[in-house]
N, C-alpha and C. Protein backbone atom coordinates (compact mmCIF):
# COMPACT_ATOMS: atom_id res chain seq x y z
N MET A 1 0.90 -1.23 -0.17
CA MET A 1 0.03 -0.22 -0.20
C MET A 1 0.59 1.16 0.07
N ASN A 2 0.18 2.36 -0.33
CA ASN A 2 1.18 3.32 -0.56
C ASN A 2 0.41 4.26 0.14
N ILE A 3 1.11 5.73 0.43
CA ILE A 3 0.53 6.14 1.49
C ILE A 3 -0.95 7.15 1.31
N LYS A 4 -0.92 7.52 -0.18
CA LYS A 4 -2.49 7.78 -0.64
C LYS A 4 -3.55 6.45 0.27
N ASP A 5 -3.38 5.34 -0.43
CA ASP A 5 -4.08 4.51 0.21
C ASP A 5 -4.79 4.58 1.58
N TYR A 6 -3.64 4.67 2.56
CA TYR A 6 -3.81 5.10 3.65
C TYR A 6 -4.34 5.97 4.33
N GLU A 7 -3.93 7.20 3.73
CA GLU A 7 -4.68 8.42 3.93
C GLU A 7 -6.01 8.17 3.41
N ALA A 8 -6.32 7.89 2.44
CA ALA A 8 -7.65 7.75 1.89
C ALA A 8 -8.67 7.00 3.26
N MET A 9 -7.75 5.54 3.78
CA MET A 9 -8.50 4.63 4.60
C MET A 9 -9.13 5.62 5.96
N ALA A 10 -8.39 6.17 6.23
CA ALA A 10 -7.97 6.92 7.47
C ALA A 10 -9.32 8.46 7.15
N MET A 11 -9.33 8.60 6.07
CA MET A 11 -10.35 10.09 5.44
C MET A 11 -9.83 10.79 5.94
N LEU A 12 -8.08 10.91 5.58
CA LEU A 12 -7.06 12.52 5.84
C LEU A 12 -7.05 13.01 4.53
N ASP A 13 -6.63 14.07 4.32
CA ASP A 13 -6.30 14.91 3.69
C ASP A 13 -4.94 15.66 3.63
N LEU A 14 -3.78 15.39 3.89
CA LEU A 14 -2.81 15.31 4.35
C LEU A 14 -2.25 16.65 3.48
N PRO A 15 -1.16 17.44 3.93
CA PRO A 15 -0.37 18.36 2.71
C PRO A 15 0.61 17.12 2.52
N GLU A 16 1.03 17.99 1.10
CA GLU A 16 2.26 17.14 0.40
C GLU A 16 3.39 16.71 1.55
N ASP A 17 3.85 17.88 2.39
CA ASP A 17 5.52 17.89 2.98
C ASP A 17 4.98 16.30 3.96
N GLU A 18 3.44 16.31 5.13
CA GLU A 18 3.33 15.48 5.93
C GLU A 18 3.33 14.44 5.29
N ARG A 19 2.51 14.23 4.03
CA ARG A 19 2.44 12.90 3.33
C ARG A 19 4.03 12.16 2.95
N ALA A 20 4.98 13.28 2.73
CA ALA A 20 6.18 12.76 2.39
C ALA A 20 6.85 12.02 3.54
N VAL A 21 6.64 12.82 4.81
CA VAL A 21 7.43 12.24 6.12
C VAL A 21 6.60 11.18 6.30
N LEU A 22 5.20 11.11 6.36
CA LEU A 22 4.28 9.91 6.95
C LEU A 22 4.89 8.62 5.84
N GLY A 23 4.79 8.95 4.97
CA GLY A 23 5.04 7.56 3.73
C GLY A 23 6.60 7.24 3.92
N GLU A 24 7.39 7.67 4.66
CA GLU A 24 8.54 7.02 4.72
C GLU A 24 8.82 6.28 5.96
N ARG A 25 7.89 7.12 7.19
CA ARG A 25 8.05 6.26 8.26
C ARG A 25 7.20 4.59 8.19
N LEU A 26 5.87 5.49 7.01
CA LEU A 26 4.97 3.83 7.12
C LEU A 26 5.96 3.00 6.13
N ASN A 27 7.27 2.97 5.74
CA ASN A 27 7.68 2.20 4.60
C ASN A 27 9.09 1.74 5.46
N GLU A 28 9.59 2.47 6.71
CA GLU A 28 10.35 1.61 7.70
C GLU A 28 9.38 0.57 8.35
N ILE A 29 8.14 1.13 8.83
CA ILE A 29 7.50 -0.19 9.11
C ILE A 29 6.73 -1.22 8.73
N GLU A 30 6.55 -1.07 7.26
CA GLU A 30 6.71 -2.02 6.28
C GLU A 30 7.73 -3.28 5.91
N ALA A 31 8.68 -2.27 6.28
CA ALA A 31 10.33 -3.13 6.03
C ALA A 31 10.57 -3.88 7.25
N GLY A 32 10.07 -3.40 8.31
CA GLY A 32 10.34 -4.12 9.97
C GLY A 32 9.29 -5.39 10.03
N PHE A 33 8.31 -5.30 9.08
CA PHE A 33 7.04 -6.09 9.04
C PHE A 33 7.47 -7.83 7.79
N ALA A 34 8.45 -6.90 7.37
CA ALA A 34 9.03 -8.06 6.28
C ALA A 34 9.95 -8.63 6.63
N ALA A 35 10.59 -7.84 7.20
CA ALA A 35 12.00 -8.87 8.37
C ALA A 35 11.72 -9.90 8.91
N LEU A 36 10.10 -9.79 9.73
CA LEU A 36 9.46 -10.38 10.45
C LEU A 36 9.10 -11.93 10.00
N GLU A 37 8.76 -11.73 8.69
CA GLU A 37 8.22 -12.93 8.11
C GLU A 37 9.19 -13.79 7.87
N GLN A 38 10.61 -13.41 7.89
CA GLN A 38 11.79 -14.19 7.20
C GLN A 38 12.01 -15.21 8.29
N ILE A 39 11.62 -14.78 9.27
CA ILE A 39 11.90 -16.14 10.44
C ILE A 39 11.00 -16.89 10.74
N ASP A 40 11.72 -18.12 10.72
CA ASP A 40 11.22 -19.44 11.07
C ASP A 40 10.39 -19.79 12.15
N THR A 41 9.64 -19.62 11.81
CA THR A 41 8.45 -20.04 13.51
C THR A 41 8.07 -21.23 13.17
N ASP A 42 8.10 -22.45 11.78
CA ASP A 42 7.98 -23.68 12.38
C ASP A 42 8.37 -24.67 13.23
N GLY A 43 7.11 -25.56 14.27
CA GLY A 43 7.65 -25.98 14.97
C GLY A 43 7.54 -25.18 16.61
N VAL A 44 7.06 -23.83 16.58
CA VAL A 44 7.37 -23.01 17.72
C VAL A 44 5.69 -23.07 18.24
N GLU A 45 5.70 -23.38 19.71
CA GLU A 45 4.39 -23.35 19.97
C GLU A 45 4.20 -21.95 20.17
N PRO A 46 2.29 -21.53 19.80
CA PRO A 46 1.97 -19.58 20.10
C PRO A 46 2.52 -19.67 21.68
N LEU A 47 2.89 -18.21 21.86
CA LEU A 47 3.13 -17.89 23.54
C LEU A 47 1.87 -17.04 23.97
N VAL A 48 1.60 -17.33 24.91
CA VAL A 48 0.52 -16.03 25.25
C VAL A 48 1.38 -15.32 25.97
N THR A 49 2.31 -15.79 26.75
CA THR A 49 2.86 -14.67 28.05
C THR A 49 4.48 -14.88 28.02
N VAL A 50 5.41 -14.65 28.15
CA VAL A 50 6.84 -14.75 28.02
C VAL A 50 7.11 -15.17 30.10
N LEU A 51 6.06 -15.28 30.90
CA LEU A 51 6.04 -15.37 32.11
C LEU A 51 5.74 -17.33 32.17
N ASP A 52 6.72 -17.66 33.62
CA ASP A 52 6.35 -18.84 33.17
C ASP A 52 5.08 -19.51 34.81
N THR A 53 3.96 -18.38 35.30
CA THR A 53 3.31 -18.23 35.97
C THR A 53 2.09 -19.03 35.16
N ILE A 54 1.31 -19.41 36.24
CA ILE A 54 0.24 -20.01 35.87
C ILE A 54 -1.35 -18.87 36.66
N ASN A 55 -2.34 -19.31 36.00
CA ASN A 55 -3.13 -18.18 36.47
C ASN A 55 -3.65 -18.32 38.06
N ILE A 56 -3.38 -17.34 38.67
CA ILE A 56 -3.35 -17.82 40.38
C ILE A 56 -4.60 -16.86 40.87
N MET A 57 -5.37 -16.32 39.74
CA MET A 57 -6.78 -15.68 40.33
C MET A 57 -7.40 -17.01 41.00
N ARG A 58 -8.16 -16.70 41.85
CA ARG A 58 -9.71 -16.85 42.38
C ARG A 58 -10.39 -17.22 40.76
N GLU A 59 -11.35 -18.35 41.43
CA GLU A 59 -12.66 -18.66 40.21
C GLU A 59 -13.40 -17.18 40.15
N ASP A 60 -13.65 -17.12 38.92
CA ASP A 60 -14.72 -15.61 39.29
C ASP A 60 -15.91 -16.52 39.32
N VAL A 61 -16.73 -16.38 40.63
CA VAL A 61 -18.07 -16.75 40.67
C VAL A 61 -18.80 -15.76 41.49
N ALA A 62 -19.90 -15.60 41.01
CA ALA A 62 -20.81 -14.53 41.53
C ALA A 62 -21.71 -14.53 42.33
N ILE A 63 -21.44 -13.87 43.26
CA ILE A 63 -22.12 -14.07 44.31
C ILE A 63 -22.82 -12.44 45.01
N LYS A 64 -24.54 -12.74 44.68
CA LYS A 64 -24.94 -11.79 44.72
C LYS A 64 -25.27 -11.36 46.68
N GLN A 65 -24.99 -10.25 46.71
CA GLN A 65 -24.72 -9.57 47.66
C GLN A 65 -25.96 -8.70 48.16
N PHE A 66 -26.66 -7.60 47.35
CA PHE A 66 -27.20 -6.82 47.47
C PHE A 66 -28.88 -7.18 46.95
N THR A 67 -29.80 -6.74 47.15
CA THR A 67 -31.17 -7.08 46.49
C THR A 67 -31.09 -5.36 45.69
N ARG A 68 -32.01 -5.59 44.49
CA ARG A 68 -32.52 -4.61 44.09
C ARG A 68 -33.10 -3.29 44.71
N ASP A 69 -34.22 -3.83 45.86
CA ASP A 69 -34.76 -2.64 46.07
C ASP A 69 -33.71 -2.16 47.51
N GLU A 70 -32.41 -2.94 48.13
CA GLU A 70 -31.55 -2.42 48.59
C GLU A 70 -30.91 -1.33 47.96
N ILE A 71 -30.25 -1.72 47.18
CA ILE A 71 -29.44 -0.71 46.20
C ILE A 71 -30.22 0.47 46.04
N LEU A 72 -31.98 0.41 45.50
CA LEU A 72 -32.19 1.62 45.06
C LEU A 72 -32.53 2.33 46.38
N ALA A 73 -32.29 1.87 47.20
CA ALA A 73 -32.92 2.75 48.78
C ALA A 73 -31.94 3.67 49.15
N ASN A 74 -31.08 3.80 48.59
CA ASN A 74 -29.96 4.88 48.49
C ASN A 74 -30.02 5.59 47.35
N ALA A 75 -30.82 5.60 46.29
CA ALA A 75 -30.57 6.33 45.22
C ALA A 75 -31.56 7.37 45.54
N PRO A 76 -30.87 8.50 45.19
CA PRO A 76 -31.77 9.93 45.28
C PRO A 76 -33.20 10.02 44.58
N GLU A 77 -33.67 9.55 43.35
CA GLU A 77 -34.60 9.49 42.70
C GLU A 77 -34.46 7.93 42.36
N GLN A 78 -35.78 7.23 41.77
CA GLN A 78 -36.09 6.19 41.22
C GLN A 78 -37.54 6.31 40.64
N GLN A 79 -37.12 5.32 39.30
CA GLN A 79 -38.42 5.17 39.18
C GLN A 79 -38.61 3.71 38.32
N ASP A 80 -39.79 3.28 38.60
CA ASP A 80 -39.94 1.88 38.14
C ASP A 80 -38.80 0.58 38.42
N GLY A 81 -38.23 0.92 39.46
CA GLY A 81 -37.21 -0.16 40.10
C GLY A 81 -35.99 0.54 39.46
N TYR A 82 -35.83 1.26 38.45
CA TYR A 82 -34.68 1.63 38.29
C TYR A 82 -33.90 3.28 38.58
N PHE A 83 -32.45 3.72 38.51
CA PHE A 83 -32.22 4.89 38.78
C PHE A 83 -32.73 5.56 38.01
N GLN A 84 -32.82 6.65 38.63
CA GLN A 84 -33.55 8.06 37.81
C GLN A 84 -32.38 9.18 37.94
N VAL A 85 -32.03 9.39 36.82
CA VAL A 85 -30.84 10.67 36.53
C VAL A 85 -31.53 11.86 35.49
N PRO A 86 -30.67 13.07 36.01
CA PRO A 86 -31.07 13.71 34.80
C PRO A 86 -30.38 13.73 33.49
N GLY A 87 -31.59 14.37 32.29
CA GLY A 87 -31.15 14.08 30.84
C GLY A 87 -29.68 14.40 30.37
N THR A 88 -29.15 13.99 29.51
CA THR A 88 -27.59 14.34 29.23
C THR A 88 -28.19 14.39 27.80
N LEU A 89 -29.36 14.42 27.15
CA LEU A 89 -29.24 14.80 25.81
C LEU A 89 -30.15 16.31 25.36
N GLU A 90 -30.05 16.98 24.91
CA GLU A 90 -30.98 18.36 24.97
C GLU A 90 -31.66 18.22 23.33
């Protein structure tokens, strides 16, 4: 892809001097990816993390601690079992 393709995708209209600078940077980035494509990864297992730790978090178990009525009891205003808040759109 060239800079004009990226510019069209991002819906930008860049001045020519910025287009030249960004074009050079994009070429450097694409060259870096081209170098990565040359690396032989056959037989290499996908890696999620470089750490040797396992998941040490607790089980994600839902615990119901409050009823709807208990929560709404603290609301300054409520209507039909929901919090009532000031409108945000005009």
